[in-house]
N, C-alpha and C. Protein backbone atom coordinates (compact mmCIF):
# COMPACT_ATOMS: atom_id res chain seq x y z
N MET A 1 -5.21 -22.37 -3.75
CA MET A 1 -5.17 -20.53 -3.32
C MET A 1 -4.22 -19.88 -4.37
N ALA A 2 -4.98 -18.69 -5.19
CA ALA A 2 -3.96 -17.60 -6.02
C ALA A 2 -2.73 -17.13 -5.57
N GLU A 3 -1.67 -17.04 -6.10
CA GLU A 3 -0.35 -16.53 -5.01
C GLU A 3 -0.06 -14.97 -5.32
N VAL A 4 0.35 -14.93 -3.80
CA VAL A 4 0.34 -13.42 -3.48
C VAL A 4 1.52 -13.09 -4.14
N ILE A 5 0.41 -11.84 -5.15
CA ILE A 5 1.88 -10.41 -5.26
C ILE A 5 2.12 -10.24 -3.97
N LEU A 6 3.64 -9.96 -4.16
CA LEU A 6 4.32 -8.87 -3.65
C LEU A 6 4.92 -7.39 -3.64
N GLU A 7 4.62 -7.30 -5.25
CA GLU A 7 5.33 -6.08 -5.46
C GLU A 7 3.90 -5.01 -5.82
N SER A 8 3.86 -3.78 -6.07
CA SER A 8 2.93 -2.74 -5.70
C SER A 8 3.73 -1.40 -6.48
N THR A 9 2.89 -0.67 -7.49
CA THR A 9 3.65 0.36 -7.54
C THR A 9 2.59 1.56 -7.20
N ILE A 10 3.23 1.65 -6.64
CA ILE A 10 2.35 3.30 -5.53
C ILE A 10 2.35 4.19 -6.43
N THR A 11 1.10 4.83 -5.81
CA THR A 11 1.00 5.91 -7.08
C THR A 11 0.85 7.58 -6.35
N CYS A 12 1.52 8.59 -6.27
CA CYS A 12 1.13 9.67 -5.32
C CYS A 12 0.18 9.73 -5.99
N PRO A 13 -1.12 10.89 -5.69
CA PRO A 13 -2.26 11.31 -6.09
C PRO A 13 -1.71 13.02 -5.88
N HIS A 14 -0.80 13.62 -5.26
CA HIS A 14 -0.46 14.69 -5.18
C HIS A 14 0.11 15.86 -6.58
N CYS A 15 1.32 14.62 -6.91
CA CYS A 15 2.47 14.61 -7.72
C CYS A 15 2.03 14.00 -9.01
N GLY A 16 1.98 12.74 -8.82
CA GLY A 16 1.63 11.51 -10.08
C GLY A 16 2.85 10.47 -9.86
N HIS A 17 3.63 11.10 -9.42
CA HIS A 17 5.02 9.69 -9.40
C HIS A 17 5.06 8.84 -9.00
N GLN A 18 5.34 7.38 -9.55
CA GLN A 18 5.18 6.20 -8.69
C GLN A 18 6.55 5.82 -8.70
N LYS A 19 6.33 4.44 -7.81
CA LYS A 19 7.55 4.11 -7.70
C LYS A 19 7.06 2.28 -7.03
N ARG A 20 7.84 1.37 -7.48
CA ARG A 20 7.57 0.16 -7.34
C ARG A 20 8.12 0.10 -5.87
N GLU A 21 6.99 -0.77 -5.32
CA GLU A 21 7.78 -1.01 -3.80
C GLU A 21 7.45 -2.66 -3.67
N VAL A 22 7.85 -3.14 -2.35
CA VAL A 22 7.95 -4.37 -2.15
C VAL A 22 6.74 -4.25 -0.63
N MET A 23 6.14 -5.38 -0.36
CA MET A 23 4.99 -5.16 0.33
C MET A 23 5.68 -6.10 1.30
N PRO A 24 5.24 -5.19 2.75
CA PRO A 24 5.98 -6.61 4.11
C PRO A 24 4.53 -7.55 3.84
N THR A 25 4.99 -8.42 4.28
CA THR A 25 4.24 -10.15 4.54
C THR A 25 3.23 -9.73 5.70
N ASN A 26 4.38 -9.80 6.58
CA ASN A 26 3.73 -9.39 8.22
C ASN A 26 3.04 -8.07 8.79
N ALA A 27 2.75 -7.04 8.20
CA ALA A 27 2.26 -6.10 9.26
C ALA A 27 2.25 -5.27 7.34
N CYS A 28 1.27 -4.24 7.46
CA CYS A 28 1.20 -3.65 5.89
C CYS A 28 1.81 -1.99 6.63
N ARG A 29 1.49 -0.90 5.72
CA ARG A 29 2.35 0.52 5.68
C ARG A 29 0.78 2.01 5.76
N TYR A 30 1.81 1.97 6.49
CA TYR A 30 0.29 3.05 6.94
C TYR A 30 0.60 4.38 6.33
N PHE A 31 1.82 4.36 6.53
CA PHE A 31 2.14 6.12 6.03
C PHE A 31 3.56 5.70 5.19
N TYR A 32 3.36 6.55 4.17
CA TYR A 32 4.51 6.22 2.87
C TYR A 32 4.73 7.88 2.72
N GLU A 33 5.54 8.33 2.55
CA GLU A 33 6.26 9.66 1.81
C GLU A 33 6.76 9.45 0.35
N CYS A 34 6.62 9.94 0.20
CA CYS A 34 6.48 10.26 -1.91
C CYS A 34 7.70 11.12 -1.80
N GLU A 35 8.84 10.11 -2.68
CA GLU A 35 9.89 10.17 -2.27
C GLU A 35 9.92 11.70 -3.60
N SER A 36 9.16 12.36 -4.49
CA SER A 36 8.98 12.89 -5.03
C SER A 36 8.90 14.48 -4.41
N CYS A 37 7.29 14.52 -3.80
CA CYS A 37 7.22 16.17 -3.75
C CYS A 37 7.33 15.69 -2.28
N HIS A 38 7.11 14.96 -1.46
CA HIS A 38 7.56 14.55 0.16
C HIS A 38 6.23 14.36 0.46
N ALA A 39 4.84 14.51 -0.27
CA ALA A 39 3.72 14.71 0.86
C ALA A 39 4.02 12.85 1.56
N LEU A 40 2.88 13.63 2.94
CA LEU A 40 2.67 12.37 3.60
C LEU A 40 1.57 11.64 3.10
N LEU A 41 1.12 10.43 2.42
CA LEU A 41 -0.08 9.57 2.23
C LEU A 41 -0.28 8.45 3.02
N LYS A 42 -1.42 8.74 3.72
CA LYS A 42 -2.27 8.12 4.34
C LYS A 42 -3.37 7.10 3.66
N PRO A 43 -3.89 5.95 4.26
CA PRO A 43 -4.84 5.40 3.41
C PRO A 43 -6.02 5.91 3.46
N LYS A 44 -6.44 5.96 2.22
CA LYS A 44 -8.37 6.40 2.15
C LYS A 44 -9.17 6.14 3.31
N ALA A 45 -10.02 6.24 3.63
CA ALA A 45 -11.83 5.95 4.71
C ALA A 45 -11.73 4.88 3.83
N GLY A 46 -11.65 3.75 4.59
CA GLY A 46 -12.01 2.35 4.62
C GLY A 46 -11.07 1.56 4.04
N ASP A 47 -9.88 2.05 3.91
CA ASP A 47 -8.95 1.38 3.26
C ASP A 47 -7.93 1.17 4.52
N CYS A 48 -6.89 -0.81 4.91
CA CYS A 48 -5.96 -0.43 5.98
C CYS A 48 -4.97 -0.11 5.91
N CYS A 49 -4.39 0.14 4.20
CA CYS A 49 -2.90 0.33 3.64
C CYS A 49 -2.66 1.55 3.31
N VAL A 50 -1.09 2.07 2.85
CA VAL A 50 -1.39 3.01 1.62
C VAL A 50 -1.24 2.28 0.14
N PHE A 51 -1.18 0.73 0.32
CA PHE A 51 -0.94 -0.21 -0.99
C PHE A 51 -2.32 -0.03 -1.31
N CYS A 52 -3.13 -0.91 -0.24
CA CYS A 52 -5.09 -0.63 -0.72
C CYS A 52 -5.33 0.64 -1.28
N SER A 53 -4.96 1.95 -0.89
CA SER A 53 -5.66 3.15 -1.22
C SER A 53 -4.82 4.02 -2.54
N PHE A 54 -3.17 3.62 -2.62
CA PHE A 54 -2.72 4.28 -3.90
C PHE A 54 -1.93 3.03 -4.43
N GLY A 55 -2.13 1.90 -4.27
CA GLY A 55 -1.33 0.81 -5.41
C GLY A 55 -1.66 0.43 -5.85
N SER A 56 -0.82 -0.07 -6.60
CA SER A 56 -1.42 -0.80 -8.51
C SER A 56 -2.49 -2.52 -8.17
N VAL A 57 -1.53 -2.87 -6.50
CA VAL A 57 -1.71 -4.10 -6.37
C VAL A 57 -1.81 -4.05 -4.36
N ALA A 58 -3.15 -5.15 -3.82
CA ALA A 58 -3.95 -4.76 -1.99
C ALA A 58 -3.15 -5.40 -1.80
N CYS A 59 -2.70 -4.88 -0.58
CA CYS A 59 -2.20 -5.64 0.36
C CYS A 59 -1.99 -7.02 0.84
N PRO A 60 -1.12 -7.72 0.35
CA PRO A 60 -1.57 -9.36 1.04
C PRO A 60 -2.02 -9.90 1.72
N PRO A 61 -2.54 -9.30 2.75
CA PRO A 61 -3.57 -9.82 3.73
C PRO A 61 -5.03 -10.23 3.23
N VAL A 62 -5.06 -8.53 2.46
CA VAL A 62 -6.28 -8.63 1.33
C VAL A 62 -6.56 -9.29 0.43
N GLN A 63 -5.38 -9.59 -0.58
CA GLN A 63 -5.50 -10.72 -1.66
C GLN A 63 -5.98 -12.17 -0.80
N GLN A 64 -5.40 -12.33 0.76
CA GLN A 64 -5.50 -13.83 0.75
C GLN A 64 -7.00 -13.63 1.96
N GLY A 65 -7.55 -13.08 1.36
CA GLY A 65 -8.92 -12.50 1.73
C GLY A 65 -8.82 -12.37 3.62
N LEU A 66 -8.49 -11.71 3.54
CA LEU A 66 -8.34 -11.75 5.35
C LEU A 66 -8.79 -10.56 5.72
N GLY A 67 -9.68 -9.26 4.50
CA GLY A 67 -10.29 -7.98 5.13
C GLY A 67 -9.28 -7.11 5.55
N GLY A 68 -7.95 -7.67 5.75
CA GLY A 68 -7.28 -6.03 6.29
C GLY A 68 -6.27 -6.51 7.39
N CYS A 69 -5.10 -5.76 7.33
CA CYS A 69 -3.70 -5.59 8.38
C CYS A 69 -3.68 -4.42 8.89
N THR A 70 -2.98 -5.08 10.00
CA THR A 70 -2.85 -3.78 11.40
C THR A 70 -1.82 -3.24 10.85
N PRO A 71 -1.91 -1.50 10.99
CA PRO A 71 -0.51 -1.05 10.27
C PRO A 71 0.76 -0.96 11.85
N ASP A 72 1.63 -1.10 10.75
CA ASP A 72 3.46 -1.29 11.13
C ASP A 72 3.98 0.19 11.57
N GLN A 73 3.23 1.31 11.58
CA GLN A 73 4.10 2.54 12.11
C GLN A 73 2.63 3.16 12.31
């Protein structure tokens, strides 16, 4: 099994601000506030979390082939 990547860069679709974040391994983030424009990001339809929708790397459960995760917020 490939190693799980725990860092992802989230890109705000509203202002383009990027921030590198460490993803939790036991839950996913459903909400994320952009620190630049303060937009509240939520997953796109069909995605389980903000990392899968706006991150450079999918969340750990998706990387592991588990199909998704349970929101933590």
